[in-house]
Amino acid sequence: VLENQDLQDSIKPQKVEFHSLNFNSTLHWQPGRAREARDAVYFVQFKVYGQSMWQNKDDCWGIRNHVCDLTNETSDVQEPYYGRVKAVSAGIYSSWSLSCRFTPWRETVIGPPTVTVVHSNKSIILKLQAPHSPFKRKRGSKIPMTNYYDLLYQVFIINNFLDEQHKVLVYEGKDKVIKIEDLRRGVSYCVMAKMYVPMLDRSSAYSSRQCTVL
């Protein structure tokens, strides 16, 4: 019995945690420390905080992966959720490993906007688009992240003679089309943008650099 108990403990999944980008939310874990854990299969359940009943995630029932997509199961983004995972190897089941409480609205990472550059002779016109969530409207289009948060675009310009550290904030606001004026001709400018969430005081990563010569 003791050997079984040891094996149960040593195949138990470790570090069960949610990762979430724009509400695409997945549960991740690491295998237990035992050699047998390499051959383990895993079972995933989830629940809303406060509910007594756990629900099986059918697509992640008896899997070998160390990740399970719970995007649809966590679609009420204001609700707090838990996930848990157990392993079985050589007919021995571990106990459940529990995640921390996960509230998508508070914890998802918001991605950068997409930036399209249209330039005229002494100005740069930018088209900005916020990222989309995985959730769809009835008509089938994906719901943008701006439906869930009061988001601002932040636009930075890098004069190419300067290094990346010298980003200058040239715009902050909600306009999707902005114009950066009074630029010098023949100079190469690079533009990057971020999403900013004032309520949570959090920013996305930078978008990829878009460079143009006027």
Protein backbone atom coordinates (compact mmCIF):
# COMPACT_ATOMS: atom_id res chain seq x y z
CA VAL A 1 0.00 0.00 0.00
CA LEU A 2 2.83 2.37 0.90
CA GLU A 3 4.49 1.84 -2.49
CA ASN A 4 1.22 2.68 -4.19
CA GLN A 5 0.90 5.81 -2.05
CA ASP A 6 4.43 6.83 -3.04
CA LEU A 7 3.66 6.26 -6.70
CA GLN A 8 0.39 8.20 -6.38
CA ASP A 9 2.29 11.15 -4.94
CA SER A 10 5.14 10.98 -7.41
CA ILE A 11 2.99 10.96 -10.56
CA LYS A 12 0.71 13.74 -9.29
CA PRO A 13 0.70 16.66 -11.79
CA GLN A 14 2.66 19.75 -10.70
CA LYS A 15 2.18 23.49 -11.28
CA VAL A 16 -1.39 23.43 -12.57
CA GLU A 17 -2.12 26.92 -13.88
CA PHE A 18 -4.19 28.85 -16.38
CA HIS A 19 -2.57 30.78 -19.23
CA SER A 20 -4.80 33.21 -21.09
CA LEU A 21 -4.34 35.56 -24.06
CA ASN A 22 -7.34 37.58 -25.28
CA PHE A 23 -9.59 35.08 -23.41
CA ASN A 24 -8.03 32.07 -25.17
CA SER A 25 -7.58 30.20 -21.89
CA THR A 26 -5.69 26.95 -21.45
CA LEU A 27 -4.83 24.89 -18.40
CA HIS A 28 -1.16 23.85 -18.21
CA TRP A 29 0.65 21.46 -15.90
CA GLN A 30 3.91 19.63 -15.50
CA PRO A 31 4.26 15.88 -15.04
CA GLY A 32 5.02 14.43 -11.63
CA ARG A 33 8.59 13.78 -10.59
CA ALA A 34 8.55 9.96 -10.99
CA ARG A 35 9.93 8.18 -14.04
CA GLU A 36 6.49 6.57 -14.41
CA ALA A 37 4.98 10.03 -14.87
CA ARG A 38 6.43 10.08 -18.39
CA ASP A 39 3.88 7.46 -19.42
CA ALA A 40 0.99 9.00 -17.49
CA VAL A 41 -2.32 9.97 -19.00
CA TYR A 42 -4.26 12.89 -17.59
CA PHE A 43 -7.84 13.76 -16.72
CA VAL A 44 -9.09 17.35 -16.49
CA GLN A 45 -12.08 18.81 -14.66
CA PHE A 46 -13.24 22.39 -14.16
CA LYS A 47 -15.84 24.31 -12.18
CA VAL A 48 -17.05 27.79 -11.41
CA TYR A 49 -15.91 29.00 -8.00
CA GLY A 50 -18.67 28.31 -5.46
CA GLN A 51 -20.15 25.34 -7.32
CA SER A 52 -19.86 21.99 -5.61
CA MET A 53 -19.88 19.83 -8.73
CA TRP A 54 -16.80 19.41 -10.92
CA GLN A 55 -17.38 18.84 -14.63
CA ASN A 56 -15.27 16.59 -16.84
CA LYS A 57 -13.60 18.16 -19.87
CA ASP A 58 -14.31 15.40 -22.38
CA ASP A 59 -11.59 16.42 -24.86
CA CYS A 60 -9.02 16.24 -22.06
CA TRP A 61 -10.05 12.92 -20.54
CA GLY A 62 -7.25 10.38 -20.79
CA ILE A 63 -4.81 12.58 -22.74
CA ARG A 64 -1.03 12.54 -22.87
CA ASN A 65 -0.66 16.30 -23.40
CA HIS A 66 0.20 18.68 -20.58
CA VAL A 67 -2.25 21.33 -21.78
CA CYS A 68 -6.04 21.52 -22.08
CA ASP A 69 -8.06 24.23 -23.83
CA LEU A 70 -10.78 25.57 -21.53
CA THR A 71 -11.66 28.66 -23.58
CA ASN A 72 -15.32 27.71 -24.07
CA GLU A 73 -15.70 26.52 -20.48
CA THR A 74 -14.49 29.90 -19.16
CA SER A 75 -16.52 32.08 -21.51
CA ASP A 76 -18.31 33.99 -18.74
CA VAL A 77 -15.24 36.16 -18.31
CA GLN A 78 -16.27 37.78 -15.00
CA GLU A 79 -16.69 34.42 -13.25
CA PRO A 80 -13.86 32.83 -11.25
CA TYR A 81 -12.96 29.26 -12.22
CA TYR A 82 -10.83 26.38 -11.03
CA GLY A 83 -9.24 23.60 -13.02
CA ARG A 84 -7.80 20.36 -11.71
CA VAL A 85 -5.83 17.48 -13.16
CA LYS A 86 -5.06 13.95 -12.10
CA ALA A 87 -2.71 11.39 -13.61
CA VAL A 88 -2.87 7.63 -14.02
CA SER A 89 0.14 5.43 -14.69
CA ALA A 90 0.43 1.64 -14.50
CA GLY A 91 -3.11 1.48 -13.12
CA ILE A 92 -2.33 3.83 -10.25
CA TYR A 93 -4.27 7.11 -9.97
CA SER A 94 -2.81 10.23 -8.39
CA SER A 95 -4.92 12.58 -6.34
CA TRP A 96 -6.16 15.78 -8.00
CA SER A 97 -3.88 18.80 -8.45
CA LEU A 98 -5.76 22.08 -8.22
CA SER A 99 -5.12 25.37 -10.05
CA CYS A 100 -5.34 28.76 -8.38
CA ARG A 101 -8.59 30.63 -8.84
CA PHE A 102 -8.74 32.10 -12.35
CA THR A 103 -10.93 35.04 -13.40
CA PRO A 104 -10.50 35.62 -17.15
CA TRP A 105 -11.42 39.31 -17.10
CA ARG A 106 -8.80 40.10 -14.48
CA GLU A 107 -6.08 37.75 -15.62
CA THR A 108 -6.14 37.37 -19.38
CA VAL A 109 -3.23 39.02 -21.18
CA ILE A 110 -4.42 41.48 -23.81
CA GLY A 111 -2.47 41.24 -27.03
CA PRO A 112 -1.14 44.18 -29.07
CA PRO A 113 -3.21 45.89 -31.75
CA THR A 114 -2.56 45.34 -35.43
CA VAL A 115 -1.12 48.39 -37.15
CA THR A 116 -1.35 49.24 -40.84
CA VAL A 117 0.72 52.15 -42.15
CA VAL A 118 -0.48 54.39 -44.99
CA HIS A 119 1.88 57.28 -45.61
CA SER A 120 1.46 60.56 -47.42
CA ASN A 121 4.21 63.09 -48.07
CA LYS A 122 4.80 64.66 -44.65
CA SER A 123 2.68 62.48 -42.42
CA ILE A 124 2.00 58.87 -41.53
CA ILE A 125 -1.56 57.61 -41.34
CA LEU A 126 -2.08 54.57 -39.15
CA LYS A 127 -5.00 52.18 -39.03
CA LEU A 128 -5.29 50.45 -35.68
CA GLN A 129 -7.28 47.38 -34.79
CA ALA A 130 -7.75 45.94 -31.31
CA PRO A 131 -7.34 42.17 -30.89
CA HIS A 132 -10.38 39.91 -31.00
CA SER A 133 -11.63 37.45 -28.43
CA PRO A 134 -12.39 33.86 -29.47
CA PHE A 135 -16.09 34.39 -28.73
CA LYS A 136 -18.49 35.02 -31.58
CA ARG A 137 -21.53 37.17 -32.13
CA LYS A 138 -24.71 35.53 -33.38
CA ARG A 139 -23.76 36.53 -36.93
CA GLY A 140 -20.48 34.70 -36.55
CA SER A 141 -17.94 37.54 -36.34
CA LYS A 142 -15.51 37.47 -33.42
CA ILE A 143 -16.16 39.92 -30.58
CA PRO A 144 -13.35 42.48 -30.22
CA MET A 145 -11.63 42.94 -26.87
CA THR A 146 -12.95 46.52 -26.83
CA ASN A 147 -16.37 45.04 -25.96
CA TYR A 148 -14.99 43.80 -22.65
CA TYR A 149 -12.68 46.63 -21.61
CA ASP A 150 -12.36 50.36 -21.95
CA LEU A 151 -9.21 50.18 -24.09
CA LEU A 152 -6.93 52.92 -25.35
CA TYR A 153 -4.47 52.71 -28.21
CA GLN A 154 -0.97 53.99 -27.46
CA VAL A 155 1.16 54.79 -30.48
CA PHE A 156 4.92 55.24 -30.27
CA ILE A 157 7.30 56.51 -32.91
CA ILE A 158 10.99 55.69 -33.22
CA ASN A 159 13.12 57.94 -35.34
CA ASN A 160 15.43 55.39 -36.93
CA PHE A 161 18.57 57.30 -35.99
CA LEU A 162 17.68 56.62 -32.39
CA ASP A 163 17.70 53.22 -30.79
CA GLU A 164 14.64 51.30 -29.70
CA GLN A 165 14.86 52.70 -26.16
CA HIS A 166 13.82 56.14 -27.43
CA LYS A 167 10.19 55.50 -28.19
CA VAL A 168 8.10 58.64 -28.13
CA LEU A 169 4.41 58.39 -27.27
CA VAL A 170 2.66 60.33 -30.01
CA TYR A 171 -0.95 59.30 -29.46
CA GLU A 172 -3.17 57.84 -26.76
CA GLY A 173 -6.90 57.41 -27.33
CA LYS A 174 -9.64 55.42 -29.00
CA ASP A 175 -9.41 56.56 -32.63
CA LYS A 176 -8.78 53.73 -35.04
CA VAL A 177 -7.26 55.97 -37.70
CA ILE A 178 -4.65 58.49 -36.63
CA LYS A 179 -2.35 60.85 -38.44
CA ILE A 180 1.18 61.67 -37.32
CA GLU A 181 2.16 64.98 -38.93
CA ASP A 182 5.13 67.34 -39.33
CA LEU A 183 7.62 64.59 -40.07
CA ARG A 184 10.78 65.12 -42.05
CA ARG A 185 11.02 63.85 -45.59
CA GLY A 186 13.66 61.28 -46.40
CA VAL A 187 13.79 60.16 -42.79
CA SER A 188 12.92 56.60 -41.83
CA TYR A 189 10.36 56.31 -39.04
CA CYS A 190 9.20 53.21 -37.22
CA VAL A 191 5.90 52.96 -35.42
CA MET A 192 4.73 50.55 -32.70
CA ALA A 193 1.50 50.42 -30.73
CA LYS A 194 0.11 48.97 -27.52
CA MET A 195 -3.31 48.45 -25.98
CA TYR A 196 -3.69 50.10 -22.59
CA VAL A 197 -6.33 49.14 -19.99
CA PRO A 198 -6.74 52.16 -17.66
CA MET A 199 -8.99 50.31 -15.21
CA LEU A 200 -6.38 47.62 -14.55
CA ASP A 201 -3.40 49.91 -15.31
CA ARG A 202 -2.01 47.27 -17.67
CA SER A 203 -0.54 47.40 -21.15
CA SER A 204 -0.22 44.83 -23.88
CA ALA A 205 3.09 43.98 -25.47
CA TYR A 206 4.18 46.21 -28.38
CA SER A 207 2.95 45.45 -31.86
CA SER A 208 5.61 44.57 -34.41
CA ARG A 209 7.50 47.54 -35.82
CA GLN A 210 6.17 49.13 -38.98
CA CYS A 211 8.79 51.26 -40.69
CA THR A 212 8.43 53.72 -43.50
CA VAL A 213 10.48 56.41 -45.27
CA LEU A 214 8.63 59.57 -46.20
